[in-house]
All heavy atoms as atom14 arrays in JSON, in Angstrom:
{
  "sequence": "QIRGNVFYRAGRAVQLGGGRDNTVANNLFVECHPAVHIDARGLGWAQN",
  "atom14_mask": [
    [1, 1, 1, 1, 1, 1, 1, 1, 1, 0, 0, 0, 0, 0],
    [1, 1, 1, 1, 1, 1, 1, 1, 0, 0, 0, 0, 0, 0],
    [1, 1, 1, 1, 1, 1, 1, 1, 1, 1, 1, 0, 0, 0],
    [1, 1, 1, 1, 0, 0, 0, 0, 0, 0, 0, 0, 0, 0],
    [1, 1, 1, 1, 1, 1, 1, 1, 0, 0, 0, 0, 0, 0],
    [1, 1, 1, 1, 1, 1, 1, 0, 0, 0, 0, 0, 0, 0],
    [1, 1, 1, 1, 1, 1, 1, 1, 1, 1, 1, 0, 0, 0],
    [1, 1, 1, 1, 1, 1, 1, 1, 1, 1, 1, 1, 0, 0],
    [1, 1, 1, 1, 1, 1, 1, 1, 1, 1, 1, 0, 0, 0],
    [1, 1, 1, 1, 1, 0, 0, 0, 0, 0, 0, 0, 0, 0],
    [1, 1, 1, 1, 0, 0, 0, 0, 0, 0, 0, 0, 0, 0],
    [1, 1, 1, 1, 1, 1, 1, 1, 1, 1, 1, 0, 0, 0],
    [1, 1, 1, 1, 1, 0, 0, 0, 0, 0, 0, 0, 0, 0],
    [1, 1, 1, 1, 1, 1, 1, 0, 0, 0, 0, 0, 0, 0],
    [1, 1, 1, 1, 1, 1, 1, 1, 1, 0, 0, 0, 0, 0],
    [1, 1, 1, 1, 1, 1, 1, 1, 0, 0, 0, 0, 0, 0],
    [1, 1, 1, 1, 0, 0, 0, 0, 0, 0, 0, 0, 0, 0],
    [1, 1, 1, 1, 0, 0, 0, 0, 0, 0, 0, 0, 0, 0],
    [1, 1, 1, 1, 0, 0, 0, 0, 0, 0, 0, 0, 0, 0],
    [1, 1, 1, 1, 1, 1, 1, 1, 1, 1, 1, 0, 0, 0],
    [1, 1, 1, 1, 1, 1, 1, 1, 0, 0, 0, 0, 0, 0],
    [1, 1, 1, 1, 1, 1, 1, 1, 0, 0, 0, 0, 0, 0],
    [1, 1, 1, 1, 1, 1, 1, 0, 0, 0, 0, 0, 0, 0],
    [1, 1, 1, 1, 1, 1, 1, 0, 0, 0, 0, 0, 0, 0],
    [1, 1, 1, 1, 1, 0, 0, 0, 0, 0, 0, 0, 0, 0],
    [1, 1, 1, 1, 1, 1, 1, 1, 0, 0, 0, 0, 0, 0],
    [1, 1, 1, 1, 1, 1, 1, 1, 0, 0, 0, 0, 0, 0],
    [1, 1, 1, 1, 1, 1, 1, 1, 0, 0, 0, 0, 0, 0],
    [1, 1, 1, 1, 1, 1, 1, 1, 1, 1, 1, 0, 0, 0],
    [1, 1, 1, 1, 1, 1, 1, 0, 0, 0, 0, 0, 0, 0],
    [1, 1, 1, 1, 1, 1, 1, 1, 1, 0, 0, 0, 0, 0],
    [1, 1, 1, 1, 1, 1, 0, 0, 0, 0, 0, 0, 0, 0],
    [1, 1, 1, 1, 1, 1, 1, 1, 1, 1, 0, 0, 0, 0],
    [1, 1, 1, 1, 1, 1, 1, 0, 0, 0, 0, 0, 0, 0],
    [1, 1, 1, 1, 1, 0, 0, 0, 0, 0, 0, 0, 0, 0],
    [1, 1, 1, 1, 1, 1, 1, 0, 0, 0, 0, 0, 0, 0],
    [1, 1, 1, 1, 1, 1, 1, 1, 1, 1, 0, 0, 0, 0],
    [1, 1, 1, 1, 1, 1, 1, 1, 0, 0, 0, 0, 0, 0],
    [1, 1, 1, 1, 1, 1, 1, 1, 0, 0, 0, 0, 0, 0],
    [1, 1, 1, 1, 1, 0, 0, 0, 0, 0, 0, 0, 0, 0],
    [1, 1, 1, 1, 1, 1, 1, 1, 1, 1, 1, 0, 0, 0],
    [1, 1, 1, 1, 0, 0, 0, 0, 0, 0, 0, 0, 0, 0],
    [1, 1, 1, 1, 1, 1, 1, 1, 0, 0, 0, 0, 0, 0],
    [1, 1, 1, 1, 0, 0, 0, 0, 0, 0, 0, 0, 0, 0],
    [1, 1, 1, 1, 1, 1, 1, 1, 1, 1, 1, 1, 1, 1],
    [1, 1, 1, 1, 1, 0, 0, 0, 0, 0, 0, 0, 0, 0],
    [1, 1, 1, 1, 1, 1, 1, 1, 1, 0, 0, 0, 0, 0],
    [1, 1, 1, 1, 1, 1, 1, 1, 0, 0, 0, 0, 0, 0]
  ],
  "atom14_positions": [
    [[94.86, 65.01, 151.4], [94.46, 65.37, 150.05], [93.08, 64.71, 149.8], [92.96, 63.48, 149.86], [95.47, 64.86, 149.03], [96.85, 65.46, 149.16], [96.88, 66.85, 148.54], [96.24, 67.14, 147.53], [97.63, 67.75, 149.18], [0.0, 0.0, 0.0], [0.0, 0.0, 0.0], [0.0, 0.0, 0.0], [0.0, 0.0, 0.0], [0.0, 0.0, 0.0]],
    [[92.07, 65.52, 149.5], [90.74, 65.03, 149.19], [90.44, 65.48, 147.77], [90.08, 66.64, 147.53], [89.7, 65.57, 150.2], [90.1, 65.23, 151.63], [88.31, 64.99, 149.89], [89.28, 65.9, 152.69], [0.0, 0.0, 0.0], [0.0, 0.0, 0.0], [0.0, 0.0, 0.0], [0.0, 0.0, 0.0], [0.0, 0.0, 0.0], [0.0, 0.0, 0.0]],
    [[90.61, 64.59, 146.82], [90.55, 64.97, 145.4], [89.69, 63.99, 144.59], [89.73, 62.79, 144.81], [91.95, 64.97, 144.79], [92.89, 66.0, 145.34], [94.26, 65.93, 144.66], [95.19, 66.97, 145.13], [95.24, 68.2, 144.59], [94.47, 68.51, 143.57], [96.09, 69.09, 145.09], [0.0, 0.0, 0.0], [0.0, 0.0, 0.0], [0.0, 0.0, 0.0]],
    [[88.94, 64.56, 143.66], [88.29, 63.75, 142.64], [87.18, 62.88, 143.16], [86.79, 61.91, 142.49], [0.0, 0.0, 0.0], [0.0, 0.0, 0.0], [0.0, 0.0, 0.0], [0.0, 0.0, 0.0], [0.0, 0.0, 0.0], [0.0, 0.0, 0.0], [0.0, 0.0, 0.0], [0.0, 0.0, 0.0], [0.0, 0.0, 0.0], [0.0, 0.0, 0.0]],
    [[86.61, 63.2, 144.31], [85.52, 62.39, 144.86], [84.18, 62.9, 144.36], [84.04, 64.05, 143.93], [85.52, 62.47, 146.38], [86.8, 61.91, 147.0], [86.9, 60.72, 147.26], [87.78, 62.79, 147.24], [0.0, 0.0, 0.0], [0.0, 0.0, 0.0], [0.0, 0.0, 0.0], [0.0, 0.0, 0.0], [0.0, 0.0, 0.0], [0.0, 0.0, 0.0]],
    [[83.17, 62.05, 144.45], [81.79, 62.43, 144.18], [81.02, 62.31, 145.47], [81.04, 61.24, 146.12], [81.16, 61.54, 143.09], [79.68, 61.91, 142.89], [81.91, 61.67, 141.77], [0.0, 0.0, 0.0], [0.0, 0.0, 0.0], [0.0, 0.0, 0.0], [0.0, 0.0, 0.0], [0.0, 0.0, 0.0], [0.0, 0.0, 0.0], [0.0, 0.0, 0.0]],
    [[80.32, 63.37, 145.85], [79.49, 63.4, 147.05], [78.06, 63.7, 146.61], [77.79, 64.81, 146.13], [79.98, 64.48, 148.02], [81.4, 64.34, 148.49], [82.46, 64.89, 147.79], [81.67, 63.64, 149.66], [83.77, 64.77, 148.25], [82.99, 63.48, 150.11], [84.02, 64.06, 149.41], [0.0, 0.0, 0.0], [0.0, 0.0, 0.0], [0.0, 0.0, 0.0]],
    [[77.18, 62.75, 146.83], [75.76, 62.95, 146.49], [74.91, 62.68, 147.7], [74.95, 61.59, 148.27], [75.37, 62.01, 145.34], [73.87, 62.01, 145.07], [73.24, 63.12, 144.52], [73.1, 60.89, 145.36], [71.87, 63.13, 144.29], [71.74, 60.88, 145.1], [71.12, 61.99, 144.59], [69.78, 62.01, 144.35], [0.0, 0.0, 0.0], [0.0, 0.0, 0.0]],
    [[74.16, 63.69, 148.11], [73.35, 63.61, 149.31], [74.17, 62.97, 150.44], [73.75, 62.03, 151.1], [72.08, 62.81, 149.05], [71.14, 63.51, 148.09], [69.84, 62.75, 147.89], [68.94, 63.49, 147.01], [67.76, 63.06, 146.59], [67.33, 61.85, 146.96], [67.03, 63.79, 145.78], [0.0, 0.0, 0.0], [0.0, 0.0, 0.0], [0.0, 0.0, 0.0]],
    [[75.37, 63.52, 150.62], [76.36, 62.94, 151.53], [76.45, 63.71, 152.84], [77.5, 63.77, 153.44], [77.73, 62.91, 150.84], [0.0, 0.0, 0.0], [0.0, 0.0, 0.0], [0.0, 0.0, 0.0], [0.0, 0.0, 0.0], [0.0, 0.0, 0.0], [0.0, 0.0, 0.0], [0.0, 0.0, 0.0], [0.0, 0.0, 0.0], [0.0, 0.0, 0.0]],
    [[75.33, 64.31, 153.26], [75.31, 64.99, 154.53], [76.27, 66.17, 154.52], [76.32, 66.98, 153.59], [0.0, 0.0, 0.0], [0.0, 0.0, 0.0], [0.0, 0.0, 0.0], [0.0, 0.0, 0.0], [0.0, 0.0, 0.0], [0.0, 0.0, 0.0], [0.0, 0.0, 0.0], [0.0, 0.0, 0.0], [0.0, 0.0, 0.0], [0.0, 0.0, 0.0]],
    [[77.05, 66.26, 155.59], [78.12, 67.27, 155.73], [79.29, 66.65, 154.98], [80.12, 65.94, 155.57], [78.38, 67.5, 157.21], [79.22, 68.67, 157.58], [79.13, 68.93, 159.08], [77.81, 69.34, 159.44], [77.34, 70.58, 159.37], [78.15, 71.56, 158.99], [76.1, 70.85, 159.71], [0.0, 0.0, 0.0], [0.0, 0.0, 0.0], [0.0, 0.0, 0.0]],
    [[79.45, 66.95, 153.7], [80.3, 66.13, 152.84], [81.76, 66.04, 153.27], [82.31, 64.96, 153.45], [80.19, 66.62, 151.39], [0.0, 0.0, 0.0], [0.0, 0.0, 0.0], [0.0, 0.0, 0.0], [0.0, 0.0, 0.0], [0.0, 0.0, 0.0], [0.0, 0.0, 0.0], [0.0, 0.0, 0.0], [0.0, 0.0, 0.0], [0.0, 0.0, 0.0]],
    [[82.4, 67.19, 153.45], [83.8, 67.24, 153.9], [83.85, 68.15, 155.11], [83.4, 69.3, 155.05], [84.74, 67.76, 152.81], [86.15, 67.94, 153.36], [84.74, 66.85, 151.6], [0.0, 0.0, 0.0], [0.0, 0.0, 0.0], [0.0, 0.0, 0.0], [0.0, 0.0, 0.0], [0.0, 0.0, 0.0], [0.0, 0.0, 0.0], [0.0, 0.0, 0.0]],
    [[84.42, 67.66, 156.19], [84.57, 68.48, 157.41], [86.06, 68.63, 157.72], [86.75, 67.64, 157.95], [83.83, 67.85, 158.59], [83.95, 68.72, 159.83], [82.99, 68.3, 160.95], [83.15, 68.75, 162.08], [82.03, 67.43, 160.67], [0.0, 0.0, 0.0], [0.0, 0.0, 0.0], [0.0, 0.0, 0.0], [0.0, 0.0, 0.0], [0.0, 0.0, 0.0]],
    [[86.51, 69.89, 157.74], [87.85, 70.22, 158.15], [87.76, 70.75, 159.57], [87.41, 71.9, 159.81], [88.48, 71.25, 157.22], [88.46, 70.92, 155.71], [89.13, 72.02, 154.91], [89.12, 69.57, 155.44], [0.0, 0.0, 0.0], [0.0, 0.0, 0.0], [0.0, 0.0, 0.0], [0.0, 0.0, 0.0], [0.0, 0.0, 0.0], [0.0, 0.0, 0.0]],
    [[88.07, 69.87, 160.54], [87.8, 70.18, 161.94], [88.99, 70.8, 162.65], [89.6, 70.18, 163.54], [0.0, 0.0, 0.0], [0.0, 0.0, 0.0], [0.0, 0.0, 0.0], [0.0, 0.0, 0.0], [0.0, 0.0, 0.0], [0.0, 0.0, 0.0], [0.0, 0.0, 0.0], [0.0, 0.0, 0.0], [0.0, 0.0, 0.0], [0.0, 0.0, 0.0]],
    [[89.37, 72.02, 162.24], [90.41, 72.75, 162.92], [91.81, 72.45, 162.46], [92.77, 73.04, 162.97], [0.0, 0.0, 0.0], [0.0, 0.0, 0.0], [0.0, 0.0, 0.0], [0.0, 0.0, 0.0], [0.0, 0.0, 0.0], [0.0, 0.0, 0.0], [0.0, 0.0, 0.0], [0.0, 0.0, 0.0], [0.0, 0.0, 0.0], [0.0, 0.0, 0.0]],
    [[91.96, 71.54, 161.48], [93.29, 71.15, 161.02], [93.87, 72.09, 159.98], [93.26, 73.11, 159.6], [0.0, 0.0, 0.0], [0.0, 0.0, 0.0], [0.0, 0.0, 0.0], [0.0, 0.0, 0.0], [0.0, 0.0, 0.0], [0.0, 0.0, 0.0], [0.0, 0.0, 0.0], [0.0, 0.0, 0.0], [0.0, 0.0, 0.0], [0.0, 0.0, 0.0]],
    [[95.05, 71.73, 159.49], [95.83, 72.61, 158.6], [96.28, 71.86, 157.35], [96.35, 70.64, 157.33], [97.08, 73.14, 159.33], [96.78, 73.77, 160.66], [98.03, 73.85, 161.54], [99.1, 74.66, 160.97], [99.43, 75.86, 161.44], [98.78, 76.39, 162.46], [100.41, 76.53, 160.91], [0.0, 0.0, 0.0], [0.0, 0.0, 0.0], [0.0, 0.0, 0.0]],
    [[96.62, 72.64, 156.34], [97.33, 72.11, 155.14], [96.56, 70.98, 154.46], [97.15, 70.05, 153.93], [98.72, 71.66, 155.54], [99.52, 72.76, 156.19], [99.44, 73.9, 155.72], [100.22, 72.49, 157.19], [0.0, 0.0, 0.0], [0.0, 0.0, 0.0], [0.0, 0.0, 0.0], [0.0, 0.0, 0.0], [0.0, 0.0, 0.0], [0.0, 0.0, 0.0]],
    [[95.25, 71.05, 154.53], [94.41, 70.07, 153.81], [93.99, 70.65, 152.47], [93.71, 71.85, 152.37], [93.18, 69.71, 154.64], [93.55, 69.09, 155.97], [94.12, 68.01, 156.04], [93.21, 69.77, 157.07], [0.0, 0.0, 0.0], [0.0, 0.0, 0.0], [0.0, 0.0, 0.0], [0.0, 0.0, 0.0], [0.0, 0.0, 0.0], [0.0, 0.0, 0.0]],
    [[93.9, 69.78, 151.47], [93.47, 70.22, 150.12], [92.19, 69.5, 149.76], [92.11, 68.27, 149.82], [94.56, 69.91, 149.08], [95.74, 70.65, 149.42], [94.08, 70.3, 147.7], [0.0, 0.0, 0.0], [0.0, 0.0, 0.0], [0.0, 0.0, 0.0], [0.0, 0.0, 0.0], [0.0, 0.0, 0.0], [0.0, 0.0, 0.0], [0.0, 0.0, 0.0]],
    [[91.16, 70.3, 149.4], [89.89, 69.78, 148.93], [89.74, 70.3, 147.5], [89.44, 71.5, 147.3], [88.72, 70.25, 149.81], [87.41, 69.68, 149.3], [88.97, 69.87, 151.25], [0.0, 0.0, 0.0], [0.0, 0.0, 0.0], [0.0, 0.0, 0.0], [0.0, 0.0, 0.0], [0.0, 0.0, 0.0], [0.0, 0.0, 0.0], [0.0, 0.0, 0.0]],
    [[89.99, 69.44, 146.52], [90.09, 69.93, 145.14], [89.47, 68.94, 144.18], [89.54, 67.72, 144.36], [91.54, 70.17, 144.77], [0.0, 0.0, 0.0], [0.0, 0.0, 0.0], [0.0, 0.0, 0.0], [0.0, 0.0, 0.0], [0.0, 0.0, 0.0], [0.0, 0.0, 0.0], [0.0, 0.0, 0.0], [0.0, 0.0, 0.0], [0.0, 0.0, 0.0]],
    [[88.83, 69.5, 143.13], [88.34, 68.72, 142.0], [87.29, 67.7, 142.41], [87.19, 66.63, 141.82], [89.5, 68.02, 141.27], [89.24, 67.87, 139.78], [89.52, 68.8, 139.06], [88.64, 66.76, 139.37], [0.0, 0.0, 0.0], [0.0, 0.0, 0.0], [0.0, 0.0, 0.0], [0.0, 0.0, 0.0], [0.0, 0.0, 0.0], [0.0, 0.0, 0.0]],
    [[86.5, 68.04, 143.41], [85.43, 67.16, 143.83], [84.08, 67.63, 143.28], [83.89, 68.82, 143.03], [85.36, 67.13, 145.37], [86.65, 66.64, 145.99], [86.96, 65.47, 146.01], [87.42, 67.58, 146.55], [0.0, 0.0, 0.0], [0.0, 0.0, 0.0], [0.0, 0.0, 0.0], [0.0, 0.0, 0.0], [0.0, 0.0, 0.0], [0.0, 0.0, 0.0]],
    [[83.17, 66.72, 143.15], [81.82, 67.01, 142.7], [80.85, 66.83, 143.89], [80.8, 65.76, 144.47], [81.4, 66.06, 141.56], [80.0, 66.22, 140.98], [79.85, 67.56, 140.31], [79.72, 65.08, 140.0], [0.0, 0.0, 0.0], [0.0, 0.0, 0.0], [0.0, 0.0, 0.0], [0.0, 0.0, 0.0], [0.0, 0.0, 0.0], [0.0, 0.0, 0.0]],
    [[80.13, 67.88, 144.24], [79.18, 67.88, 145.35], [77.78, 68.12, 144.82], [77.54, 69.12, 144.12], [79.52, 68.99, 146.36], [80.88, 68.9, 146.99], [81.95, 69.59, 146.44], [81.08, 68.16, 148.14], [83.21, 69.54, 147.02], [82.34, 68.1, 148.74], [83.39, 68.78, 148.19], [0.0, 0.0, 0.0], [0.0, 0.0, 0.0], [0.0, 0.0, 0.0]],
    [[76.86, 67.22, 145.11], [75.48, 67.37, 144.66], [74.55, 67.16, 145.87], [74.59, 66.11, 146.52], [75.14, 66.36, 143.56], [73.72, 66.6, 143.04], [76.14, 66.44, 142.42], [0.0, 0.0, 0.0], [0.0, 0.0, 0.0], [0.0, 0.0, 0.0], [0.0, 0.0, 0.0], [0.0, 0.0, 0.0], [0.0, 0.0, 0.0], [0.0, 0.0, 0.0]],
    [[73.79, 68.18, 146.19], [72.78, 68.14, 147.24], [73.39, 67.77, 148.61], [72.91, 66.87, 149.29], [71.63, 67.17, 146.9], [70.88, 67.57, 145.66], [69.69, 66.68, 145.37], [69.07, 66.17, 146.32], [69.39, 66.49, 144.18], [0.0, 0.0, 0.0], [0.0, 0.0, 0.0], [0.0, 0.0, 0.0], [0.0, 0.0, 0.0], [0.0, 0.0, 0.0]],
    [[74.44, 68.48, 148.96], [75.07, 68.25, 150.25], [74.78, 69.43, 151.21], [74.53, 70.53, 150.76], [76.59, 68.08, 150.1], [77.05, 66.63, 149.08], [0.0, 0.0, 0.0], [0.0, 0.0, 0.0], [0.0, 0.0, 0.0], [0.0, 0.0, 0.0], [0.0, 0.0, 0.0], [0.0, 0.0, 0.0], [0.0, 0.0, 0.0], [0.0, 0.0, 0.0]],
    [[74.83, 69.15, 152.49], [74.43, 70.14, 153.51], [75.45, 70.23, 154.64], [75.23, 69.62, 155.69], [73.07, 69.74, 154.08], [71.97, 69.72, 153.11], [71.15, 70.78, 152.88], [71.5, 68.71, 152.3], [70.23, 70.46, 151.97], [70.45, 69.22, 151.62], [0.0, 0.0, 0.0], [0.0, 0.0, 0.0], [0.0, 0.0, 0.0], [0.0, 0.0, 0.0]],
    [[76.57, 70.92, 154.46], [77.03, 71.6, 153.27], [77.99, 70.71, 152.49], [78.27, 69.59, 152.91], [77.75, 72.81, 153.88], [78.4, 72.19, 155.09], [77.39, 71.2, 155.65], [0.0, 0.0, 0.0], [0.0, 0.0, 0.0], [0.0, 0.0, 0.0], [0.0, 0.0, 0.0], [0.0, 0.0, 0.0], [0.0, 0.0, 0.0], [0.0, 0.0, 0.0]],
    [[78.54, 71.3, 151.41], [79.62, 70.59, 150.71], [80.89, 70.56, 151.57], [81.55, 69.55, 151.71], [79.9, 71.24, 149.35], [0.0, 0.0, 0.0], [0.0, 0.0, 0.0], [0.0, 0.0, 0.0], [0.0, 0.0, 0.0], [0.0, 0.0, 0.0], [0.0, 0.0, 0.0], [0.0, 0.0, 0.0], [0.0, 0.0, 0.0], [0.0, 0.0, 0.0]],
    [[81.23, 71.71, 152.14], [82.46, 71.85, 152.94], [82.16, 72.54, 154.25], [81.48, 73.57, 154.28], [83.53, 72.66, 152.17], [84.78, 72.81, 153.0], [83.85, 72.02, 150.84], [0.0, 0.0, 0.0], [0.0, 0.0, 0.0], [0.0, 0.0, 0.0], [0.0, 0.0, 0.0], [0.0, 0.0, 0.0], [0.0, 0.0, 0.0], [0.0, 0.0, 0.0]],
    [[82.65, 71.93, 155.33], [82.61, 72.53, 156.68], [84.05, 72.81, 157.07], [84.93, 71.96, 156.94], [81.98, 71.53, 157.63], [82.25, 71.74, 159.07], [81.24, 71.73, 160.01], [83.39, 71.95, 159.8], [81.73, 71.92, 161.22], [83.06, 72.06, 161.11], [0.0, 0.0, 0.0], [0.0, 0.0, 0.0], [0.0, 0.0, 0.0], [0.0, 0.0, 0.0]],
    [[84.27, 74.05, 157.53], [85.6, 74.37, 158.05], [85.42, 75.16, 159.35], [84.5, 75.98, 159.48], [86.43, 75.19, 157.02], [87.85, 75.42, 157.54], [85.73, 76.47, 156.63], [88.8, 75.91, 156.46], [0.0, 0.0, 0.0], [0.0, 0.0, 0.0], [0.0, 0.0, 0.0], [0.0, 0.0, 0.0], [0.0, 0.0, 0.0], [0.0, 0.0, 0.0]],
    [[86.24, 74.85, 160.34], [86.15, 75.6, 161.61], [87.54, 75.81, 162.19], [88.54, 75.26, 161.73], [85.24, 74.86, 162.59], [85.77, 73.5, 163.06], [86.9, 73.45, 163.61], [85.08, 72.47, 162.9], [0.0, 0.0, 0.0], [0.0, 0.0, 0.0], [0.0, 0.0, 0.0], [0.0, 0.0, 0.0], [0.0, 0.0, 0.0], [0.0, 0.0, 0.0]],
    [[87.54, 76.65, 163.22], [88.78, 76.93, 163.97], [88.58, 76.55, 165.43], [88.75, 77.38, 166.33], [89.15, 78.4, 163.81], [0.0, 0.0, 0.0], [0.0, 0.0, 0.0], [0.0, 0.0, 0.0], [0.0, 0.0, 0.0], [0.0, 0.0, 0.0], [0.0, 0.0, 0.0], [0.0, 0.0, 0.0], [0.0, 0.0, 0.0], [0.0, 0.0, 0.0]],
    [[88.22, 75.32, 165.65], [87.83, 74.88, 167.0], [88.94, 75.08, 168.04], [88.68, 75.24, 169.24], [87.39, 73.42, 166.98], [88.47, 72.42, 166.56], [87.89, 71.03, 166.38], [86.85, 71.01, 165.35], [86.15, 69.89, 165.04], [86.38, 68.78, 165.69], [85.22, 69.94, 164.09], [0.0, 0.0, 0.0], [0.0, 0.0, 0.0], [0.0, 0.0, 0.0]],
    [[90.2, 75.08, 167.59], [91.3, 75.3, 168.52], [91.28, 76.71, 169.13], [91.93, 76.94, 170.15], [0.0, 0.0, 0.0], [0.0, 0.0, 0.0], [0.0, 0.0, 0.0], [0.0, 0.0, 0.0], [0.0, 0.0, 0.0], [0.0, 0.0, 0.0], [0.0, 0.0, 0.0], [0.0, 0.0, 0.0], [0.0, 0.0, 0.0], [0.0, 0.0, 0.0]],
    [[90.55, 77.62, 168.49], [90.41, 78.98, 169.01], [89.09, 79.13, 169.76], [88.79, 80.21, 170.28], [90.45, 80.0, 167.86], [91.74, 79.99, 167.04], [91.59, 80.92, 165.84], [92.94, 80.39, 167.89], [0.0, 0.0, 0.0], [0.0, 0.0, 0.0], [0.0, 0.0, 0.0], [0.0, 0.0, 0.0], [0.0, 0.0, 0.0], [0.0, 0.0, 0.0]],
    [[88.29, 78.05, 169.79], [86.98, 78.11, 170.42], [86.8, 77.04, 171.46], [87.57, 76.97, 172.44], [0.0, 0.0, 0.0], [0.0, 0.0, 0.0], [0.0, 0.0, 0.0], [0.0, 0.0, 0.0], [0.0, 0.0, 0.0], [0.0, 0.0, 0.0], [0.0, 0.0, 0.0], [0.0, 0.0, 0.0], [0.0, 0.0, 0.0], [0.0, 0.0, 0.0]],
    [[85.82, 76.15, 171.22], [85.46, 75.19, 172.26], [86.56, 74.16, 172.53], [86.57, 73.56, 173.61], [84.17, 74.46, 171.86], [84.29, 73.64, 170.61], [84.03, 74.03, 169.33], [84.69, 72.26, 170.52], [84.23, 73.0, 168.44], [84.65, 71.89, 169.14], [85.1, 71.32, 171.46], [84.98, 70.63, 168.69], [85.43, 70.03, 171.0], [85.38, 69.71, 169.64]],
    [[87.54, 74.0, 171.63], [88.6, 73.02, 171.84], [89.94, 73.67, 172.11], [91.0, 73.11, 171.82], [88.7, 72.1, 170.6], [0.0, 0.0, 0.0], [0.0, 0.0, 0.0], [0.0, 0.0, 0.0], [0.0, 0.0, 0.0], [0.0, 0.0, 0.0], [0.0, 0.0, 0.0], [0.0, 0.0, 0.0], [0.0, 0.0, 0.0], [0.0, 0.0, 0.0]],
    [[89.92, 74.87, 172.69], [91.19, 75.55, 173.0], [91.99, 74.84, 174.08], [93.19, 75.12, 174.27], [90.92, 76.99, 173.37], [90.0, 77.2, 174.53], [89.57, 78.65, 174.7], [90.17, 79.36, 175.5], [88.59, 79.08, 173.93], [0.0, 0.0, 0.0], [0.0, 0.0, 0.0], [0.0, 0.0, 0.0], [0.0, 0.0, 0.0], [0.0, 0.0, 0.0]],
    [[91.35, 73.9, 174.79], [92.08, 73.16, 175.85], [93.21, 72.33, 175.26], [94.11, 71.9, 175.97], [91.13, 72.3, 176.66], [90.41, 71.24, 175.82], [90.03, 71.52, 174.68], [90.23, 70.07, 176.38], [0.0, 0.0, 0.0], [0.0, 0.0, 0.0], [0.0, 0.0, 0.0], [0.0, 0.0, 0.0], [0.0, 0.0, 0.0], [0.0, 0.0, 0.0]]
  ]
}
C-alpha cells in the first residue's frame, strides 16, 4: 500500500516492477519523471 505520500522532484517516483495487488492511491506527485512506472517484466526480460 503506497498512500498519502508527497513526491517532489523524486525521479521515477513509484516503480511497480512486475508485481501484483499493489495500491498507489492519494499521493501527490510534483515534477516527477514519471510519477508511476509499471511493467510486466515477467513476460519480458525477466521471464526466466
